[in-house]
Amino acid sequence: MRIFRNLLLTVVSSAALAACAQPNSRPELAFSQPAEAEIKTINLDELQALPEPFRKVAVAVYKFEDLTGQNKPNENFSEYSRAVTQGGTSILINALERAGNRKWFTPVERASLPSLLQERQIIRVTREEYGGKDLPALPPMTYAGIMLEGGIIGYDSNTITGGFGARFLGVGANADYRRDTVTVFLRAVSVQSGEVLKSVNVSKTIYSAALQGGAFRFVDFKKLLEIETGITTNEPVTLAVKSAVEKAVYTLVVEGLIDNFWRLKDPAQTQGLINKYWAERDGIYNVQTVKTSPGDLQVSPPPARSPSPDANGEEKLAPPLTPGVPAPTPGPTYIVPGQTPNPGGRIIAPGAVPMSAPAERPVTVPQSAQAPASQPAP
């Protein structure tokens, strides 16, 4: 124990001397890291790898907000912070700009439209009052053909919780985990007709895990050893929302290709991209498209069924060949002008005798139902 105490004192003294040697150092920045430009996700790489479209699509995003209305979950006290980010609009615009390496969409500013119009008005007034009339007029604002709507619809916390732990002779460890789910909806609306072209939704799971360990035992008489350690990791909710929005934009692009709302510059890449999306969405791998012609389809004819007389001499269809399947009931009797209905449900023309009718019971037709022989044909 004395050796351990001396070693700890040496480490603390070295740290103190190093801090004194650098007078401009700040202790609160001892573990700081430099800022990162962007944390890339797998969905962002997939979004940027989209093939080049035939032409860029101008889209407008007015709002893409948090619609969950939930606060951050806390088991100890009431938390008034929101569970998810309130900057969904900025995340969506960034994802649209990155799609296909800036080749798919042209986002136009609509979230701050009043400020944009006010700034353009300031430019016009300044030119009129301070001799800027000779300058060219402001170019027209870009209008969008498609408007994107939606938002962060749901945030479900503690969908799955669990853990595992073990301890033996005062030494043990335990692990706990929790899973949350965030869901976003995104829809494309045609500006000209107001029709909802496509609506997609994506869910992203958020995992949190904690690992703890410790020892509590007597190593000698009146000597107690107590050690505790642990680590907790929580996936950032903002990063999860960003990943879900990027996946929603990718899904919207592929769904639009399936419905022919837009097309790729190289049509040969379309089917491969769609097959990959179907395999991921439906869980089907090695998808192959098989095209058949009507001549390739062979349909077996129904089993032959001929009329047969029953005990009363009335003709009825024979029962089906498949055992256990009841025969169909006869349909209604339709009276055709110039013809006589048969009680059995079959229509018999005037003067006709059924081929399967018994010879001793010929079918007679009333005289009124027969056409005059001398009447000329129409």
Protein backbone atom coordinates (compact mmCIF):
# COMPACT_ATOMS: atom_id res chain seq x y z
CA MET A 1 0.00 0.00 0.00
CA ARG A 2 2.90 2.37 0.74
CA ILE A 3 4.28 1.79 -2.76
CA PHE A 4 0.90 2.58 -4.30
CA ARG A 5 0.64 5.77 -2.21
CA ASN A 6 4.08 6.94 -3.31
CA LEU A 7 3.30 6.23 -6.95
CA LEU A 8 0.07 8.21 -6.79
CA LEU A 9 1.88 11.14 -5.13
CA THR A 10 4.49 11.13 -7.88
CA VAL A 11 1.86 11.26 -10.62
CA VAL A 12 0.00 14.15 -8.95
CA SER A 13 3.22 16.09 -8.44
CA SER A 14 4.22 15.65 -12.08
CA ALA A 15 0.84 16.93 -13.25
CA ALA A 16 1.09 19.97 -10.98
CA LEU A 17 4.60 20.81 -12.21
CA ALA A 18 3.48 20.47 -15.84
CA ALA A 19 0.58 22.87 -15.18
CA CYS A 20 2.90 25.41 -13.57
CA ALA A 21 5.31 25.20 -16.49
CA GLN A 22 2.55 26.41 -18.85
CA PRO A 23 1.05 29.58 -17.37
CA ASN A 24 -1.35 30.11 -20.29
CA SER A 25 -2.95 26.66 -20.04
CA ARG A 26 -6.54 26.29 -18.89
CA PRO A 27 -7.45 23.26 -16.75
CA GLU A 28 -11.01 23.17 -18.06
CA LEU A 29 -9.64 22.54 -21.58
CA ALA A 30 -7.38 19.66 -20.56
CA PHE A 31 -9.56 17.09 -22.33
CA SER A 32 -10.95 19.31 -25.09
CA GLN A 33 -10.84 18.19 -28.72
CA PRO A 34 -10.75 20.29 -31.87
CA ALA A 35 -14.02 21.01 -33.64
CA GLU A 36 -14.99 18.66 -36.47
CA ALA A 37 -16.40 19.87 -39.76
CA GLU A 38 -19.11 17.20 -39.95
CA ILE A 39 -19.80 13.82 -38.43
CA LYS A 40 -20.50 11.61 -41.40
CA THR A 41 -22.93 8.72 -41.16
CA ILE A 42 -23.49 5.67 -43.32
CA ASN A 43 -26.71 7.19 -44.61
CA LEU A 44 -24.86 10.35 -45.68
CA ASP A 45 -22.37 8.30 -47.69
CA GLU A 46 -25.28 6.46 -49.31
CA LEU A 47 -27.03 9.75 -50.09
CA GLN A 48 -23.94 11.28 -51.66
CA ALA A 49 -23.38 8.17 -53.80
CA LEU A 50 -26.67 8.61 -55.68
CA PRO A 51 -26.21 8.62 -59.50
CA GLU A 52 -26.52 11.89 -61.35
CA PRO A 53 -30.10 12.83 -62.33
CA PHE A 54 -31.28 13.97 -65.74
CA ARG A 55 -31.81 17.49 -64.33
CA LYS A 56 -31.79 19.12 -60.91
CA VAL A 57 -35.06 19.61 -59.06
CA ALA A 58 -35.85 22.88 -57.29
CA VAL A 59 -37.43 22.19 -53.91
CA ALA A 60 -38.77 24.46 -51.16
CA VAL A 61 -38.77 23.67 -47.45
CA TYR A 62 -40.91 25.96 -45.31
CA LYS A 63 -40.68 24.01 -42.09
CA PHE A 64 -39.60 20.63 -40.83
CA GLU A 65 -40.13 20.84 -37.11
CA ASP A 66 -40.37 18.73 -34.00
CA LEU A 67 -43.95 17.49 -33.80
CA THR A 68 -43.45 15.04 -30.94
CA GLY A 69 -44.11 17.54 -28.14
CA GLN A 70 -42.03 15.40 -25.77
CA ASN A 71 -39.47 16.57 -23.24
CA LYS A 72 -36.17 14.90 -22.56
CA PRO A 73 -36.75 11.72 -20.49
CA ASN A 74 -35.50 11.87 -16.92
CA GLU A 75 -36.29 9.36 -14.19
CA ASN A 76 -35.21 11.59 -11.29
CA PHE A 77 -36.86 14.96 -11.91
CA SER A 78 -39.00 16.80 -14.46
CA GLU A 79 -37.03 17.85 -17.53
CA TYR A 80 -38.20 20.78 -19.62
CA SER A 81 -35.65 20.39 -22.41
CA ARG A 82 -36.99 18.97 -25.65
CA ALA A 83 -36.30 15.34 -26.45
CA VAL A 84 -35.19 16.04 -30.03
CA THR A 85 -33.62 18.94 -31.86
CA GLN A 86 -35.67 21.94 -32.93
CA GLY A 87 -33.56 22.52 -36.03
CA GLY A 88 -35.09 19.92 -38.31
CA THR A 89 -35.46 22.42 -41.16
CA SER A 90 -31.73 23.09 -41.28
CA ILE A 91 -30.95 19.38 -41.18
CA LEU A 92 -33.31 18.66 -44.09
CA ILE A 93 -31.91 21.49 -46.23
CA ASN A 94 -28.39 20.23 -45.60
CA ALA A 95 -29.39 16.69 -46.62
CA LEU A 96 -31.03 17.97 -49.82
CA GLU A 97 -27.92 19.93 -50.68
CA ARG A 98 -25.66 16.91 -50.19
CA ALA A 99 -27.77 14.49 -52.26
CA GLY A 100 -25.76 13.12 -55.16
CA ASN A 101 -22.85 15.48 -54.39
CA ARG A 102 -25.02 18.59 -54.95
CA LYS A 103 -26.46 17.30 -58.23
CA TRP A 104 -30.00 16.30 -57.26
CA PHE A 105 -31.78 19.24 -55.64
CA THR A 106 -31.66 23.03 -55.66
CA PRO A 107 -33.05 24.11 -52.26
CA VAL A 108 -34.57 27.59 -52.19
CA GLU A 109 -34.83 29.63 -49.01
CA ARG A 110 -38.34 29.65 -47.58
CA ALA A 111 -37.83 29.26 -43.84
CA SER A 112 -36.65 32.91 -43.64
CA LEU A 113 -38.74 34.22 -46.53
CA PRO A 114 -39.93 37.42 -44.74
CA SER A 115 -36.33 38.37 -43.97
CA LEU A 116 -35.29 37.64 -47.56
CA LEU A 117 -38.06 39.79 -49.01
CA GLN A 118 -37.24 42.58 -46.59
CA GLU A 119 -33.60 42.54 -47.62
CA ARG A 120 -34.51 42.75 -51.31
CA GLN A 121 -36.77 45.69 -50.52
CA ILE A 122 -33.88 47.45 -48.75
CA ILE A 123 -31.75 47.03 -51.88
CA ARG A 124 -34.44 48.60 -54.09
CA VAL A 125 -34.99 51.58 -51.77
CA THR A 126 -31.26 52.20 -51.43
CA ARG A 127 -30.78 52.24 -55.19
CA GLU A 128 -33.66 54.66 -55.69
CA GLU A 129 -32.51 57.14 -53.02
CA TYR A 130 -28.75 57.06 -53.56
CA GLY A 131 -28.36 57.04 -57.31
CA GLY A 132 -28.39 53.36 -58.02
CA LYS A 133 -31.06 53.57 -60.70
CA ASP A 134 -28.55 52.81 -63.42
CA LEU A 135 -27.76 49.45 -61.85
CA PRO A 136 -29.49 46.38 -63.28
CA ALA A 137 -32.67 45.29 -61.60
CA LEU A 138 -32.65 42.47 -59.11
CA PRO A 139 -33.03 39.07 -60.77
CA PRO A 140 -36.26 37.19 -60.05
CA MET A 141 -36.31 34.76 -57.17
CA THR A 142 -36.06 31.07 -57.98
CA TYR A 143 -39.36 29.28 -57.57
CA ALA A 144 -39.70 25.61 -56.72
CA GLY A 145 -41.73 22.95 -58.47
CA ILE A 146 -41.83 20.66 -55.44
CA MET A 147 -42.47 21.52 -51.81
CA LEU A 148 -41.23 19.22 -49.05
CA GLU A 149 -43.27 18.91 -45.88
CA GLY A 150 -43.25 16.70 -42.79
CA GLY A 151 -41.41 16.66 -39.52
CA ILE A 152 -40.10 14.62 -36.61
CA ILE A 153 -43.24 12.70 -35.76
CA GLY A 154 -42.31 10.48 -32.85
CA TYR A 155 -39.74 9.92 -30.13
CA ASP A 156 -40.36 6.76 -28.12
CA SER A 157 -38.06 6.33 -25.13
CA ASN A 158 -37.27 3.12 -23.27
CA THR A 159 -38.69 0.87 -25.93
CA ILE A 160 -36.26 -1.83 -24.76
CA THR A 161 -34.35 -1.82 -21.47
CA GLY A 162 -32.28 -4.52 -19.87
CA GLY A 163 -29.02 -5.49 -18.26
CA PHE A 164 -26.81 -8.22 -16.85
CA GLY A 165 -24.61 -8.42 -13.79
CA ALA A 166 -22.65 -10.85 -11.68
CA ARG A 167 -20.69 -10.65 -8.42
CA PHE A 168 -18.50 -13.17 -6.64
CA LEU A 169 -16.66 -12.62 -3.37
CA GLY A 170 -17.18 -8.89 -3.59
CA VAL A 171 -15.87 -8.56 -7.16
CA GLY A 172 -18.31 -8.12 -10.03
CA ALA A 173 -19.60 -6.07 -12.92
CA ASN A 174 -22.91 -5.22 -14.54
CA ALA A 175 -24.06 -3.83 -17.88
CA ASP A 176 -27.27 -1.92 -18.64
CA TYR A 177 -28.70 -0.76 -21.95
CA ARG A 178 -31.66 1.20 -23.23
CA ARG A 179 -33.13 1.74 -26.69
CA ASP A 180 -35.10 4.75 -27.95
CA THR A 181 -36.67 5.31 -31.36
CA VAL A 182 -37.07 8.49 -33.40
CA THR A 183 -39.36 8.60 -36.47
CA VAL A 184 -39.47 11.19 -39.25
CA PHE A 185 -42.01 11.62 -42.07
CA LEU A 186 -41.24 13.36 -45.35
CA ARG A 187 -43.57 14.05 -48.27
CA ALA A 188 -43.16 15.70 -51.67
CA VAL A 189 -46.01 17.96 -52.85
CA SER A 190 -46.46 19.27 -56.39
CA VAL A 191 -46.71 23.07 -56.31
CA GLN A 192 -48.78 23.28 -59.50
CA SER A 193 -51.49 20.78 -58.56
CA GLY A 194 -51.10 20.37 -54.80
CA GLU A 195 -50.92 16.59 -55.21
CA VAL A 196 -48.89 14.61 -52.72
CA LEU A 197 -46.48 12.82 -55.03
CA LYS A 198 -44.81 10.60 -52.48
CA SER A 199 -44.72 10.17 -48.71
CA VAL A 200 -42.00 8.22 -46.89
CA ASN A 201 -41.11 7.57 -43.26
CA VAL A 202 -37.92 6.40 -41.56
CA SER A 203 -37.26 5.22 -38.01
CA LYS A 204 -33.87 5.33 -36.28
CA THR A 205 -32.98 3.53 -33.07
CA ILE A 206 -30.90 5.25 -30.39
CA TYR A 207 -28.88 3.04 -28.05
CA SER A 208 -27.51 3.92 -24.62
CA ALA A 209 -25.28 1.53 -22.68
CA ALA A 210 -23.58 1.61 -19.28
CA LEU A 211 -20.84 -0.72 -18.05
CA GLN A 212 -19.85 -0.72 -14.38
CA GLY A 213 -17.50 -2.81 -12.33
CA GLY A 214 -16.06 -2.83 -8.85
CA ALA A 215 -14.50 -4.74 -6.01
CA PHE A 216 -15.36 -4.60 -2.31
CA ARG A 217 -13.50 -7.05 -0.09
CA PHE A 218 -11.10 -7.38 2.80
CA VAL A 219 -7.60 -8.14 1.64
CA ASP A 220 -6.30 -8.36 5.20
CA PHE A 221 -7.55 -7.95 8.71
CA LYS A 222 -8.80 -4.36 9.04
CA LYS A 223 -7.75 -3.66 5.43
CA LEU A 224 -10.62 -3.09 3.00
CA LEU A 225 -10.16 -2.82 -0.76
CA GLU A 226 -12.85 -0.88 -2.64
CA ILE A 227 -12.60 -0.14 -6.38
CA GLU A 228 -15.29 1.25 -8.66
CA THR A 229 -15.16 1.99 -12.37
CA GLY A 230 -17.62 2.46 -15.18
CA ILE A 231 -18.37 3.99 -18.52
CA THR A 232 -21.60 5.18 -20.15
CA THR A 233 -22.21 5.88 -23.81
CA ASN A 234 -25.25 7.66 -25.24
CA GLU A 235 -25.82 8.07 -28.95
CA PRO A 236 -26.48 11.74 -29.72
CA VAL A 237 -30.13 12.32 -30.52
CA THR A 238 -29.30 15.12 -32.97
CA LEU A 239 -27.00 12.80 -34.89
CA ALA A 240 -29.74 10.16 -34.97
CA VAL A 241 -32.24 12.69 -36.35
CA LYS A 242 -29.70 13.76 -38.97
CA SER A 243 -29.18 10.14 -40.03
CA ALA A 244 -32.94 9.53 -40.24
CA VAL A 245 -33.52 12.66 -42.37
CA GLU A 246 -30.72 11.68 -44.75
CA LYS A 247 -32.24 8.23 -45.11
CA ALA A 248 -35.67 9.78 -45.76
CA VAL A 249 -34.26 11.93 -48.59
CA TYR A 250 -32.58 8.87 -50.12
CA THR A 251 -35.83 6.89 -49.87
CA LEU A 252 -37.77 9.75 -51.48
CA VAL A 253 -35.36 9.83 -54.42
CA VAL A 254 -35.60 6.09 -55.10
CA GLU A 255 -39.38 6.02 -54.65
CA GLY A 256 -39.61 8.86 -57.20
CA LEU A 257 -37.54 6.80 -59.64
CA ILE A 258 -39.90 3.86 -59.20
CA ASP A 259 -42.95 6.04 -59.99
CA ASN A 260 -41.16 7.88 -62.83
CA PHE A 261 -41.37 11.31 -61.17
CA TRP A 262 -37.75 11.89 -62.23
CA ARG A 263 -35.06 9.88 -63.98
CA LEU A 264 -31.33 9.37 -64.01
CA LYS A 265 -28.92 10.74 -66.56
CA ASP A 266 -27.79 7.17 -67.23
CA PRO A 267 -30.98 5.04 -67.44
CA ALA A 268 -28.92 1.84 -67.19
CA GLN A 269 -28.28 2.55 -63.48
CA THR A 270 -31.97 2.87 -62.56
CA GLN A 271 -32.92 -0.79 -62.20
CA GLY A 272 -29.85 -1.67 -60.16
CA LEU A 273 -30.54 1.16 -57.71
CA ILE A 274 -34.20 0.14 -57.41
CA ASN A 275 -33.31 -3.53 -56.84
CA LYS A 276 -30.89 -2.55 -54.08
CA TYR A 277 -33.58 -0.43 -52.43
CA TRP A 278 -36.17 -3.21 -52.65
CA ALA A 279 -33.72 -5.70 -51.16
CA GLU A 280 -33.10 -3.40 -48.21
CA ARG A 281 -36.73 -2.43 -47.70
CA ASP A 282 -38.34 -5.85 -48.06
CA GLY A 283 -35.46 -7.99 -46.81
CA ILE A 284 -35.09 -9.78 -50.15
CA TYR A 285 -31.59 -10.38 -51.44
CA ASN A 286 -30.43 -11.22 -54.98
CA VAL A 287 -33.51 -9.61 -56.50
CA GLN A 288 -33.94 -10.36 -60.20
CA THR A 289 -36.48 -8.83 -62.55
CA VAL A 290 -38.21 -11.48 -64.72
CA LYS A 291 -40.29 -10.36 -67.68
CA THR A 292 -42.78 -12.81 -69.22
CA SER A 293 -45.08 -12.60 -72.21
CA PRO A 294 -48.71 -13.74 -72.26
CA GLY A 295 -47.64 -16.77 -74.29
CA ASP A 296 -45.46 -18.00 -71.43
CA LEU A 297 -48.47 -18.34 -69.13
CA GLN A 298 -50.33 -21.67 -69.43
CA VAL A 299 -53.65 -22.06 -67.70
CA SER A 300 -55.18 -25.52 -67.53
CA PRO A 301 -58.80 -25.71 -68.71
CA PRO A 302 -61.52 -26.39 -66.14
CA PRO A 303 -62.68 -30.00 -65.77
CA ALA A 304 -65.40 -31.12 -68.19
CA ARG A 305 -68.90 -31.09 -66.79
CA SER A 306 -71.85 -32.22 -68.88
CA PRO A 307 -75.58 -32.01 -68.06
CA SER A 308 -77.19 -35.17 -66.70
CA PRO A 309 -80.89 -35.85 -65.96
CA ASP A 310 -81.96 -36.36 -62.38
CA ALA A 311 -84.78 -38.58 -61.05
CA ASN A 312 -87.45 -36.13 -62.28
CA GLY A 313 -86.00 -35.92 -65.75
CA GLU A 314 -84.67 -32.38 -65.27
CA GLU A 315 -81.20 -31.72 -66.54
CA LYS A 316 -78.62 -30.47 -64.06
CA LEU A 317 -74.87 -30.08 -64.17
CA ALA A 318 -72.86 -32.98 -62.85
CA PRO A 319 -71.05 -32.39 -59.55
CA PRO A 320 -67.46 -31.16 -59.80
CA LEU A 321 -64.71 -33.68 -60.07
CA THR A 322 -62.93 -32.38 -56.96
CA PRO A 323 -64.27 -34.28 -53.95
CA GLY A 324 -65.59 -32.21 -51.10
CA VAL A 325 -66.39 -29.13 -53.24
CA PRO A 326 -70.18 -28.55 -53.59
CA ALA A 327 -71.72 -28.05 -56.98
CA PRO A 328 -72.78 -24.50 -57.86
CA THR A 329 -76.45 -23.67 -57.52
CA PRO A 330 -78.34 -22.91 -60.74
CA GLY A 331 -78.64 -19.24 -61.56
CA PRO A 332 -81.84 -17.27 -62.20
CA THR A 333 -83.99 -17.93 -65.23
CA TYR A 334 -83.91 -15.23 -67.91
CA ILE A 335 -86.84 -14.93 -70.33
CA VAL A 336 -85.75 -14.13 -73.85
CA PRO A 337 -88.41 -12.84 -76.30
CA GLY A 338 -89.56 -15.67 -78.52
CA GLN A 339 -88.25 -18.33 -76.13
CA THR A 340 -89.71 -20.39 -73.30
CA PRO A 341 -87.96 -20.78 -69.96
CA ASN A 342 -87.44 -24.23 -68.61
CA PRO A 343 -88.21 -24.91 -64.91
CA GLY A 344 -84.75 -26.44 -64.56
CA GLY A 345 -83.08 -23.09 -65.15
CA ARG A 346 -82.03 -23.68 -68.79
CA ILE A 347 -83.43 -21.63 -71.67
CA ILE A 348 -84.80 -23.71 -74.51
CA ALA A 349 -85.46 -22.19 -77.87
CA PRO A 350 -88.87 -22.79 -79.53
CA GLY A 351 -89.14 -26.14 -81.20
CA ALA A 352 -85.87 -27.37 -79.69
CA VAL A 353 -85.51 -30.58 -77.74
CA PRO A 354 -82.63 -31.08 -75.30
CA MET A 355 -80.16 -33.67 -76.51
CA SER A 356 -79.98 -35.40 -73.14
CA ALA A 357 -83.75 -35.38 -72.45
CA PRO A 358 -85.43 -38.80 -72.29
CA ALA A 359 -87.27 -39.82 -75.44
CA GLU A 360 -90.47 -40.66 -73.57
CA ARG A 361 -90.74 -37.09 -72.18
CA PRO A 362 -90.41 -34.70 -75.13
CA VAL A 363 -90.38 -30.98 -74.41
CA THR A 364 -93.45 -29.19 -75.73
CA VAL A 365 -93.59 -25.48 -76.53
CA PRO A 366 -96.85 -23.50 -76.33
CA GLN A 367 -98.34 -22.42 -79.67
CA SER A 368 -98.36 -18.77 -78.59
CA ALA A 369 -94.62 -18.74 -78.15
CA GLN A 370 -93.96 -19.98 -81.72
CA ALA A 371 -93.45 -17.51 -84.54
CA PRO A 372 -95.91 -17.80 -87.51
CA ALA A 373 -94.41 -19.71 -90.34
CA SER A 374 -95.80 -17.31 -92.97
CA GLN A 375 -94.37 -14.19 -91.25
CA PRO A 376 -91.50 -12.88 -93.30
CA ALA A 377 -88.15 -12.51 -91.63
CA PRO A 378 -87.22 -8.98 -90.75
